[in-house]
Every structure is written in structure tokens, then in C-alpha cells.
Amino acid sequence: MNKTLPALMITAWLVAMAGTAHAATATAIFAGGCFWCVEKDFEKLPGVLEAESGYTAGKTSNPTYEEVSNGHTGHTEAVRVIYDTTKVSY
């Protein structure tokens, strides 16, 4: 009996995870000023699975924040948003 409850809990968790694994997702990139502020706002939206700050469209590999801020890399601050298309439309 003591082993039955953990086994049932694990089974229920696996079934729940299997249902969410098939959700349709999409990725969008947004550039809109301070990327930390934009990232934080996207993370508040229902259906957004992940929001990650970074840089896009530049010529420098692995730039630092200071390099991008100085304007010499060609990069733009951006946020990559991964979202559930059944809950959020583009």
C-alpha cells in the first residue's frame, strides 16, 4: 500500500506532462528598447512559456552589454518569446 501512492502520483504527473508536451508552440523575436523591461512584461502574459533577453542582427560574436550599448557591434537588444499558440496569437 505504501508503494501504491507514489506510483500513482508519478503516473498522474507523467500523464499531465504528456498532455502539455503536445502544445503547439511558436517563437517570436521582439526588439523594443530596454530588453529586461520587455522580457518582464512578456513573462506576465498567460501562454508565454519563456522570454529570454539577448542580442540580434549584429556582426560581433558573443557581445557584452557594454559593447552593444556603445553601438559598435551592430546588435540590437531583443527578447525571444516562446509561446503556446493555443493561448496567444502573434
N, C-alpha and C. Protein backbone atom coordinates (compact mmCIF):
# COMPACT_ATOMS: atom_id res chain seq x y z
N MET A 1 0.82 -1.19 0.00
CA MET A 1 0.00 0.00 0.00
C MET A 1 0.87 1.26 0.00
N ASN A 2 1.98 1.27 0.73
CA ASN A 2 2.85 2.44 0.80
C ASN A 2 3.50 2.74 -0.53
N LYS A 3 3.71 1.73 -1.36
CA LYS A 3 4.33 1.94 -2.66
C LYS A 3 3.31 2.34 -3.73
N THR A 4 2.03 2.11 -3.47
CA THR A 4 0.99 2.41 -4.45
C THR A 4 0.80 3.90 -4.65
N LEU A 5 0.76 4.67 -3.59
CA LEU A 5 0.52 6.11 -3.69
C LEU A 5 1.62 6.81 -4.48
N PRO A 6 2.91 6.59 -4.19
CA PRO A 6 3.94 7.24 -5.01
C PRO A 6 3.86 6.84 -6.48
N ALA A 7 3.57 5.57 -6.74
CA ALA A 7 3.45 5.11 -8.13
C ALA A 7 2.29 5.81 -8.82
N LEU A 8 1.18 5.98 -8.14
CA LEU A 8 0.03 6.69 -8.72
C LEU A 8 0.35 8.15 -8.96
N MET A 9 1.08 8.77 -8.03
CA MET A 9 1.44 10.17 -8.18
C MET A 9 2.38 10.36 -9.38
N ILE A 10 3.34 9.48 -9.53
CA ILE A 10 4.25 9.56 -10.68
C ILE A 10 3.50 9.35 -11.98
N THR A 11 2.58 8.38 -12.00
CA THR A 11 1.79 8.13 -13.20
C THR A 11 0.94 9.35 -13.56
N ALA A 12 0.30 9.95 -12.56
CA ALA A 12 -0.52 11.14 -12.81
C ALA A 12 0.33 12.28 -13.35
N TRP A 13 1.52 12.45 -12.80
CA TRP A 13 2.42 13.51 -13.26
C TRP A 13 2.84 13.26 -14.70
N LEU A 14 3.19 12.02 -15.04
CA LEU A 14 3.60 11.69 -16.41
C LEU A 14 2.47 11.93 -17.40
N VAL A 15 1.26 11.57 -17.03
CA VAL A 15 0.11 11.81 -17.91
C VAL A 15 -0.10 13.30 -18.11
N ALA A 16 0.01 14.08 -17.05
CA ALA A 16 -0.15 15.53 -17.16
C ALA A 16 0.93 16.13 -18.04
N MET A 17 2.16 15.69 -17.88
CA MET A 17 3.26 16.21 -18.68
C MET A 17 3.11 15.82 -20.14
N ALA A 18 2.62 14.64 -20.41
CA ALA A 18 2.43 14.20 -21.79
C ALA A 18 1.41 15.08 -22.48
N GLY A 19 0.39 15.51 -21.76
CA GLY A 19 -0.61 16.39 -22.35
C GLY A 19 -0.06 17.75 -22.71
N THR A 20 0.85 18.27 -21.92
CA THR A 20 1.40 19.58 -22.20
C THR A 20 2.52 19.53 -23.22
N ALA A 21 3.12 18.37 -23.40
CA ALA A 21 4.23 18.25 -24.35
C ALA A 21 3.78 18.44 -25.79
N HIS A 22 2.49 18.25 -26.04
CA HIS A 22 1.99 18.35 -27.40
C HIS A 22 1.41 19.72 -27.73
N ALA A 23 1.53 20.67 -26.83
CA ALA A 23 1.03 22.01 -27.10
C ALA A 23 1.80 22.62 -28.26
N ALA A 24 1.08 23.30 -29.14
CA ALA A 24 1.73 23.95 -30.28
C ALA A 24 2.44 25.20 -29.79
N THR A 25 3.71 25.32 -30.12
CA THR A 25 4.46 26.49 -29.71
C THR A 25 5.03 27.20 -30.92
N ALA A 26 5.32 28.46 -30.74
CA ALA A 26 5.96 29.27 -31.77
C ALA A 26 6.94 30.20 -31.07
N THR A 27 7.85 30.75 -31.86
CA THR A 27 8.85 31.66 -31.33
C THR A 27 8.78 32.98 -32.07
N ALA A 28 8.88 34.07 -31.33
CA ALA A 28 8.91 35.41 -31.93
C ALA A 28 10.05 36.20 -31.30
N ILE A 29 10.64 37.10 -32.07
CA ILE A 29 11.71 37.96 -31.57
C ILE A 29 11.20 39.40 -31.61
N PHE A 30 11.35 40.11 -30.49
CA PHE A 30 10.92 41.50 -30.39
C PHE A 30 12.09 42.37 -29.94
N ALA A 31 12.27 43.50 -30.59
CA ALA A 31 13.25 44.49 -30.18
C ALA A 31 12.48 45.76 -29.84
N GLY A 32 12.61 46.21 -28.59
CA GLY A 32 11.81 47.35 -28.18
C GLY A 32 12.39 48.11 -27.01
N GLY A 33 13.61 48.54 -27.13
CA GLY A 33 14.21 49.31 -26.04
C GLY A 33 14.87 48.41 -25.02
N CYS A 34 14.77 48.77 -23.77
CA CYS A 34 15.38 48.01 -22.68
C CYS A 34 14.84 46.58 -22.67
N PHE A 35 15.69 45.63 -23.02
CA PHE A 35 15.19 44.27 -23.18
C PHE A 35 14.75 43.62 -21.87
N TRP A 36 15.31 44.04 -20.74
CA TRP A 36 14.88 43.45 -19.47
C TRP A 36 13.45 43.86 -19.14
N CYS A 37 13.07 45.09 -19.45
CA CYS A 37 11.70 45.54 -19.21
C CYS A 37 10.73 44.81 -20.12
N VAL A 38 11.10 44.67 -21.39
CA VAL A 38 10.24 43.98 -22.36
C VAL A 38 10.09 42.51 -21.95
N GLU A 39 11.20 41.87 -21.57
CA GLU A 39 11.17 40.47 -21.14
C GLU A 39 10.21 40.28 -19.97
N LYS A 40 10.31 41.15 -18.99
CA LYS A 40 9.48 41.06 -17.79
C LYS A 40 7.99 41.17 -18.13
N ASP A 41 7.64 42.07 -19.04
CA ASP A 41 6.24 42.23 -19.45
C ASP A 41 5.72 40.99 -20.17
N PHE A 42 6.52 40.41 -21.05
CA PHE A 42 6.09 39.20 -21.75
C PHE A 42 5.90 38.04 -20.79
N GLU A 43 6.76 37.93 -19.79
CA GLU A 43 6.66 36.82 -18.83
C GLU A 43 5.36 36.85 -18.04
N LYS A 44 4.70 37.98 -17.98
CA LYS A 44 3.44 38.11 -17.25
C LYS A 44 2.24 37.57 -18.04
N LEU A 45 2.39 37.38 -19.34
CA LEU A 45 1.27 37.00 -20.18
C LEU A 45 0.95 35.51 -20.09
N PRO A 46 -0.33 35.16 -19.90
CA PRO A 46 -0.71 33.75 -19.92
C PRO A 46 -0.41 33.16 -21.30
N GLY A 47 0.19 32.01 -21.34
CA GLY A 47 0.52 31.37 -22.60
C GLY A 47 1.95 31.58 -23.04
N VAL A 48 2.65 32.54 -22.44
CA VAL A 48 4.07 32.72 -22.75
C VAL A 48 4.84 31.71 -21.91
N LEU A 49 5.58 30.84 -22.59
CA LEU A 49 6.31 29.78 -21.92
C LEU A 49 7.71 30.21 -21.50
N GLU A 50 8.31 31.10 -22.29
CA GLU A 50 9.66 31.57 -21.98
C GLU A 50 9.91 32.90 -22.67
N ALA A 51 10.57 33.79 -21.98
CA ALA A 51 11.03 35.06 -22.56
C ALA A 51 12.49 35.20 -22.16
N GLU A 52 13.35 35.45 -23.15
CA GLU A 52 14.79 35.49 -22.90
C GLU A 52 15.41 36.69 -23.60
N SER A 53 16.13 37.50 -22.83
CA SER A 53 16.81 38.67 -23.38
C SER A 53 18.09 38.26 -24.09
N GLY A 54 18.43 39.03 -25.14
CA GLY A 54 19.68 38.78 -25.86
C GLY A 54 19.90 39.86 -26.91
N TYR A 55 20.71 39.54 -27.89
CA TYR A 55 21.06 40.50 -28.95
C TYR A 55 20.78 39.87 -30.30
N THR A 56 20.47 40.71 -31.29
CA THR A 56 20.18 40.20 -32.62
C THR A 56 20.74 41.12 -33.69
N ALA A 57 21.02 40.55 -34.85
CA ALA A 57 21.37 41.27 -36.08
C ALA A 57 22.74 41.94 -36.07
N GLY A 58 23.63 41.55 -35.20
CA GLY A 58 24.93 42.21 -35.15
C GLY A 58 26.03 41.43 -35.83
N LYS A 59 27.21 42.04 -35.84
CA LYS A 59 28.36 41.43 -36.51
C LYS A 59 29.39 40.88 -35.52
N THR A 60 29.22 41.15 -34.23
CA THR A 60 30.17 40.71 -33.21
C THR A 60 29.68 39.42 -32.56
N SER A 61 30.54 38.42 -32.48
CA SER A 61 30.18 37.17 -31.81
C SER A 61 30.22 37.37 -30.30
N ASN A 62 29.18 36.89 -29.62
CA ASN A 62 29.10 36.94 -28.15
C ASN A 62 29.43 38.31 -27.56
N PRO A 63 28.70 39.34 -27.97
CA PRO A 63 28.99 40.68 -27.46
C PRO A 63 28.58 40.83 -26.00
N THR A 64 29.22 41.76 -25.32
CA THR A 64 28.84 42.10 -23.95
C THR A 64 27.79 43.21 -24.01
N TYR A 65 27.13 43.43 -22.88
CA TYR A 65 26.15 44.51 -22.80
C TYR A 65 26.81 45.85 -23.09
N GLU A 66 28.00 46.05 -22.56
CA GLU A 66 28.72 47.32 -22.77
C GLU A 66 29.03 47.54 -24.25
N GLU A 67 29.46 46.48 -24.95
CA GLU A 67 29.78 46.61 -26.38
C GLU A 67 28.54 46.98 -27.18
N VAL A 68 27.42 46.34 -26.87
CA VAL A 68 26.18 46.65 -27.59
C VAL A 68 25.72 48.06 -27.26
N SER A 69 25.79 48.44 -26.00
CA SER A 69 25.37 49.79 -25.58
C SER A 69 26.19 50.89 -26.24
N ASN A 70 27.46 50.61 -26.51
CA ASN A 70 28.32 51.60 -27.18
C ASN A 70 27.97 51.77 -28.65
N GLY A 71 27.20 50.85 -29.21
CA GLY A 71 26.73 51.00 -30.58
C GLY A 71 27.71 50.57 -31.66
N HIS A 72 28.74 49.83 -31.31
CA HIS A 72 29.75 49.46 -32.31
C HIS A 72 29.64 48.02 -32.81
N THR A 73 28.64 47.27 -32.35
CA THR A 73 28.54 45.86 -32.72
C THR A 73 27.52 45.60 -33.82
N GLY A 74 26.62 46.55 -34.03
CA GLY A 74 25.53 46.34 -34.98
C GLY A 74 24.37 45.55 -34.38
N HIS A 75 24.49 45.15 -33.13
CA HIS A 75 23.44 44.38 -32.46
C HIS A 75 22.34 45.30 -31.94
N THR A 76 21.16 44.70 -31.77
CA THR A 76 20.02 45.35 -31.15
C THR A 76 19.60 44.50 -29.97
N GLU A 77 19.25 45.14 -28.85
CA GLU A 77 18.70 44.40 -27.72
C GLU A 77 17.36 43.82 -28.15
N ALA A 78 17.13 42.55 -27.82
CA ALA A 78 15.90 41.89 -28.25
C ALA A 78 15.46 40.86 -27.22
N VAL A 79 14.22 40.41 -27.36
CA VAL A 79 13.68 39.38 -26.49
C VAL A 79 13.10 38.28 -27.36
N ARG A 80 13.54 37.05 -27.10
CA ARG A 80 12.96 35.88 -27.77
C ARG A 80 11.83 35.37 -26.89
N VAL A 81 10.64 35.23 -27.49
CA VAL A 81 9.46 34.79 -26.75
C VAL A 81 8.99 33.47 -27.35
N ILE A 82 8.88 32.45 -26.50
CA ILE A 82 8.30 31.17 -26.90
C ILE A 82 6.93 31.11 -26.26
N TYR A 83 5.92 30.85 -27.09
CA TYR A 83 4.55 30.91 -26.58
C TYR A 83 3.70 29.77 -27.10
N ASP A 84 2.64 29.49 -26.37
CA ASP A 84 1.66 28.46 -26.71
C ASP A 84 0.66 29.08 -27.68
N THR A 85 0.63 28.59 -28.91
CA THR A 85 -0.23 29.19 -29.94
C THR A 85 -1.71 28.96 -29.69
N THR A 86 -2.05 28.06 -28.77
CA THR A 86 -3.46 27.87 -28.44
C THR A 86 -3.93 28.91 -27.42
N LYS A 87 -2.98 29.64 -26.82
CA LYS A 87 -3.33 30.64 -25.80
C LYS A 87 -2.96 32.06 -26.20
N VAL A 88 -2.02 32.20 -27.12
CA VAL A 88 -1.54 33.52 -27.54
C VAL A 88 -1.48 33.56 -29.05
N SER A 89 -1.95 34.66 -29.63
CA SER A 89 -1.79 34.83 -31.08
C SER A 89 -0.72 35.89 -31.32
N TYR A 90 -0.09 35.81 -32.46
CA TYR A 90 1.01 36.72 -32.76
C TYR A 90 0.49 38.08 -33.14
